[in-house]
Amino acid sequence: MKSIDFQQIIASPVAAYQEGLRFFMGEGILNETLRRVAKDLENHQIDYSVIGAVALNQHGYRRFTEDIDCF
């Protein structure tokens, strides 16, 4: 797996904007991270809910974010 420095991406306005567009299309770093986390939680039969901007994005409310909120 390719290592990406997320802090470096969000430090650049152009790179942050491009990553935000990928996030809105479901293809960003946060999307991939959430898929991995969700798979691990499900494999260990741990209930979870995604909240915050990531959840809002799935319901059509576009917000930039740099984290994943799980409960």
Protein backbone atom coordinates (compact mmCIF):
# COMPACT_ATOMS: atom_id res chain seq x y z
CA MET A 1 0.00 0.00 0.00
CA LYS A 2 1.28 3.44 -0.95
CA SER A 3 2.06 5.69 2.03
CA ILE A 4 0.56 9.18 1.78
CA ASP A 5 1.25 12.05 4.17
CA PHE A 6 -2.21 13.51 4.73
CA GLN A 7 -0.82 16.49 6.66
CA GLN A 8 1.29 17.40 3.63
CA ILE A 9 -1.79 17.26 1.41
CA ILE A 10 -3.89 19.52 3.61
CA ALA A 11 -0.99 21.97 3.94
CA SER A 12 -1.26 22.75 0.23
CA PRO A 13 -4.45 24.61 -0.80
CA VAL A 14 -4.40 23.06 -4.29
CA ALA A 15 -3.73 19.51 -3.04
CA ALA A 16 -6.34 19.92 -0.28
CA TYR A 17 -8.95 21.05 -2.81
CA GLN A 18 -8.16 18.12 -5.11
CA GLU A 19 -8.37 15.68 -2.18
CA GLY A 20 -11.69 17.27 -1.19
CA LEU A 21 -13.07 16.61 -4.66
CA ARG A 22 -11.90 12.98 -4.43
CA PHE A 23 -13.59 12.74 -1.01
CA PHE A 24 -16.89 13.97 -2.47
CA MET A 25 -16.61 11.32 -5.22
CA GLY A 26 -15.95 8.58 -2.62
CA GLU A 27 -12.35 8.12 -3.78
CA GLY A 28 -10.34 10.11 -1.23
CA ILE A 29 -7.90 9.05 1.46
CA LEU A 30 -10.59 9.35 4.14
CA ASN A 31 -12.96 7.18 2.12
CA GLU A 32 -10.35 4.43 1.80
CA THR A 33 -9.46 4.71 5.48
CA LEU A 34 -13.12 4.43 6.48
CA ARG A 35 -13.52 1.33 4.31
CA ARG A 36 -10.56 -0.33 6.07
CA VAL A 37 -11.76 0.68 9.55
CA ALA A 38 -15.33 -0.46 8.84
CA LYS A 39 -14.09 -3.82 7.55
CA ASP A 40 -11.97 -4.36 10.68
CA LEU A 41 -14.84 -3.40 12.99
CA GLU A 42 -17.25 -5.67 11.14
CA ASN A 43 -14.76 -8.56 11.16
CA HIS A 44 -14.56 -8.21 14.95
CA GLN A 45 -18.36 -7.85 15.23
CA ILE A 46 -18.07 -4.36 16.75
CA ASP A 47 -21.07 -2.11 16.25
CA TYR A 48 -20.30 1.44 15.11
CA SER A 49 -21.88 4.54 13.61
CA VAL A 50 -20.22 7.10 11.38
CA ILE A 51 -21.13 10.66 12.32
CA GLY A 52 -19.95 14.15 11.41
CA ALA A 53 -18.98 15.41 7.97
CA VAL A 54 -18.40 11.92 6.52
CA ALA A 55 -21.97 10.91 7.40
CA LEU A 56 -23.33 14.20 6.08
CA ASN A 57 -21.48 13.64 2.82
CA GLN A 58 -23.27 10.31 2.36
CA HIS A 59 -26.60 12.14 2.68
CA GLY A 60 -25.73 14.75 0.08
CA TYR A 61 -24.53 17.55 2.39
CA ARG A 62 -21.07 18.41 1.11
CA ARG A 63 -18.56 19.44 3.79
CA PHE A 64 -14.80 19.25 3.73
CA THR A 65 -13.26 17.34 6.62
CA GLU A 66 -9.92 15.99 7.71
CA ASP A 67 -11.13 13.29 10.11
CA ILE A 68 -13.56 10.43 10.56
CA ASP A 69 -15.94 10.51 13.51
CA CYS A 70 -17.17 7.12 14.70
CA PHE A 71 -19.33 6.29 17.67
